[in-house]
């Protein structure tokens, strides 16, 4: 999903570059409106990507804490040296 968002952002940036390359004297209202819309969609896509990355970070953090909490019961019990059996 992140790759799709990044590809969408790159496509929007390429379209904006195309529209900006049109000389100012030759720009019509349609081109100006499309440029404005592309810029809005670019910022919208960046915002959505940021939200998605925040969610992914939270999920990773939850997964890491769940994995470390799950591993605790399986850790070997350690006792002080005085209570451990002597080995030969």
C-alpha atoms as a PDB file:
ATOM      1  CA  UNK A   1       0.000   0.000   0.000  1.00  0.00           C
ATOM      2  CA  UNK A   2       2.888   2.329   0.751  1.00  0.00           C
ATOM      3  CA  UNK A   3       4.415   1.558  -2.645  1.00  0.00           C
ATOM      4  CA  UNK A   4       1.120   2.437  -4.346  1.00  0.00           C
ATOM      5  CA  UNK A   5       0.947   5.762  -2.500  1.00  0.00           C
ATOM      6  CA  UNK A   6       4.537   6.584  -3.401  1.00  0.00           C
ATOM      7  CA  UNK A   7       3.914   5.689  -7.056  1.00  0.00           C
ATOM      8  CA  UNK A   8       0.815   7.911  -7.041  1.00  0.00           C
ATOM      9  CA  UNK A   9       2.824  10.795  -5.556  1.00  0.00           C
ATOM     10  CA  UNK A  10       5.550  10.357  -8.175  1.00  0.00           C
ATOM     11  CA  UNK A  11       2.965  10.347 -10.969  1.00  0.00           C
ATOM     12  CA  UNK A  12       1.412  13.537  -9.607  1.00  0.00           C
ATOM     13  CA  UNK A  13       4.795  15.206  -9.377  1.00  0.00           C
ATOM     14  CA  UNK A  14       5.550  14.251 -12.987  1.00  0.00           C
ATOM     15  CA  UNK A  15       2.190  15.667 -14.124  1.00  0.00           C
ATOM     16  CA  UNK A  16       2.837  18.893 -12.211  1.00  0.00           C
ATOM     17  CA  UNK A  17       6.236  19.208 -13.895  1.00  0.00           C
ATOM     18  CA  UNK A  18       4.548  18.793 -17.289  1.00  0.00           C
ATOM     19  CA  UNK A  19       1.978  21.452 -16.497  1.00  0.00           C
ATOM     20  CA  UNK A  20       4.570  23.876 -15.147  1.00  0.00           C
ATOM     21  CA  UNK A  21       6.656  23.409 -18.305  1.00  0.00           C
ATOM     22  CA  UNK A  22       3.870  25.050 -20.356  1.00  0.00           C
ATOM     23  CA  UNK A  23       4.844  28.680 -20.920  1.00  0.00           C
ATOM     24  CA  UNK A  24       2.836  31.098 -18.812  1.00  0.00           C
ATOM     25  CA  UNK A  25       1.579  32.942 -21.883  1.00  0.00           C
ATOM     26  CA  UNK A  26       0.109  29.728 -23.311  1.00  0.00           C
ATOM     27  CA  UNK A  27      -1.577  28.557 -20.118  1.00  0.00           C
ATOM     28  CA  UNK A  28      -5.311  28.361 -20.280  1.00  0.00           C
ATOM     29  CA  UNK A  29      -7.785  28.258 -17.430  1.00  0.00           C
ATOM     30  CA  UNK A  30      -8.051  24.506 -17.887  1.00  0.00           C
ATOM     31  CA  UNK A  31      -4.302  24.046 -17.432  1.00  0.00           C
ATOM     32  CA  UNK A  32      -4.266  26.377 -14.423  1.00  0.00           C
ATOM     33  CA  UNK A  33      -7.182  24.495 -12.837  1.00  0.00           C
ATOM     34  CA  UNK A  34      -5.564  21.133 -13.523  1.00  0.00           C
ATOM     35  CA  UNK A  35      -2.306  22.375 -11.986  1.00  0.00           C
ATOM     36  CA  UNK A  36      -4.152  23.536  -8.898  1.00  0.00           C
ATOM     37  CA  UNK A  37      -5.999  20.223  -8.630  1.00  0.00           C
ATOM     38  CA  UNK A  38      -2.792  18.229  -9.058  1.00  0.00           C
ATOM     39  CA  UNK A  39      -1.107  20.250  -6.334  1.00  0.00           C
ATOM     40  CA  UNK A  40      -4.061  19.631  -4.008  1.00  0.00           C
ATOM     41  CA  UNK A  41      -4.007  15.894  -4.769  1.00  0.00           C
ATOM     42  CA  UNK A  42      -0.262  15.809  -4.146  1.00  0.00           C
ATOM     43  CA  UNK A  43      -0.620  17.305  -0.665  1.00  0.00           C
ATOM     44  CA  UNK A  44      -3.594  15.036   0.009  1.00  0.00           C
ATOM     45  CA  UNK A  45      -1.584  11.957  -1.026  1.00  0.00           C
ATOM     46  CA  UNK A  46       1.354  13.024   1.147  1.00  0.00           C
ATOM     47  CA  UNK A  47      -0.989  13.464   4.100  1.00  0.00           C
ATOM     48  CA  UNK A  48      -2.494  10.019   3.556  1.00  0.00           C
ATOM     49  CA  UNK A  49       0.984   8.511   3.254  1.00  0.00           C
ATOM     50  CA  UNK A  50       1.997  10.132   6.537  1.00  0.00           C
ATOM     51  CA  UNK A  51      -1.124   8.719   8.219  1.00  0.00           C
ATOM     52  CA  UNK A  52      -0.361   5.283   6.821  1.00  0.00           C
ATOM     53  CA  UNK A  53       3.228   5.418   8.058  1.00  0.00           C
ATOM     54  CA  UNK A  54       2.070   6.412  11.551  1.00  0.00           C
ATOM     55  CA  UNK A  55      -0.291   3.414  11.581  1.00  0.00           C
ATOM     56  CA  UNK A  56       2.483   1.095  10.423  1.00  0.00           C
ATOM     57  CA  UNK A  57       4.823   2.378  13.131  1.00  0.00           C
ATOM     58  CA  UNK A  58       2.145   1.804  15.766  1.00  0.00           C
ATOM     59  CA  UNK A  59       1.520  -1.728  14.500  1.00  0.00           C
ATOM     60  CA  UNK A  60       5.238  -2.501  14.562  1.00  0.00           C
ATOM     61  CA  UNK A  61       5.519  -1.142  18.077  1.00  0.00           C
ATOM     62  CA  UNK A  62       2.530  -3.228  19.215  1.00  0.00           C
ATOM     63  CA  UNK A  63       3.921  -6.325  17.515  1.00  0.00           C
ATOM     64  CA  UNK A  64       7.340  -5.819  19.113  1.00  0.00           C
ATOM     65  CA  UNK A  65       5.837  -5.400  22.571  1.00  0.00           C
ATOM     66  CA  UNK A  66       3.547  -8.408  22.055  1.00  0.00           C
ATOM     67  CA  UNK A  67       6.453 -10.550  20.909  1.00  0.00           C
ATOM     68  CA  UNK A  68       8.640  -9.553  23.836  1.00  0.00           C
ATOM     69  CA  UNK A  69       5.755 -10.106  26.278  1.00  0.00           C
ATOM     70  CA  UNK A  70       5.071 -13.532  24.761  1.00  0.00           C
ATOM     71  CA  UNK A  71       8.691 -14.538  25.130  1.00  0.00           C
ATOM     72  CA  UNK A  72       8.850 -13.733  28.839  1.00  0.00           C
ATOM     73  CA  UNK A  73       7.023 -16.868  30.107  1.00  0.00           C
ATOM     74  CA  UNK A  74       9.355 -19.079  28.080  1.00  0.00           C
ATOM     75  CA  UNK A  75      12.556 -17.554  29.412  1.00  0.00           C
ATOM     76  CA  UNK A  76      14.604 -19.811  31.630  1.00  0.00           C
ATOM     77  CA  UNK A  77      14.110 -19.192  35.324  1.00  0.00           C
ATOM     78  CA  UNK A  78      17.258 -18.050  36.980  1.00  0.00           C
ATOM     79  CA  UNK A  79      17.942 -18.617  40.638  1.00  0.00           C
ATOM     80  CA  UNK A  80      20.670 -17.216  42.820  1.00  0.00           C
ATOM     81  CA  UNK A  81      23.902 -19.194  42.812  1.00  0.00           C
ATOM     82  CA  UNK A  82      23.278 -20.555  46.284  1.00  0.00           C
ATOM     83  CA  UNK A  83      20.090 -22.307  45.140  1.00  0.00           C
ATOM     84  CA  UNK A  84      21.472 -23.779  41.930  1.00  0.00           C
ATOM     85  CA  UNK A  85      22.554 -27.412  42.025  1.00  0.00           C
ATOM     86  CA  UNK A  86      26.279 -28.042  42.086  1.00  0.00           C
ATOM     87  CA  UNK A  87      27.795 -29.472  38.916  1.00  0.00           C
ATOM     88  CA  UNK A  88      30.790 -31.759  38.850  1.00  0.00           C
END
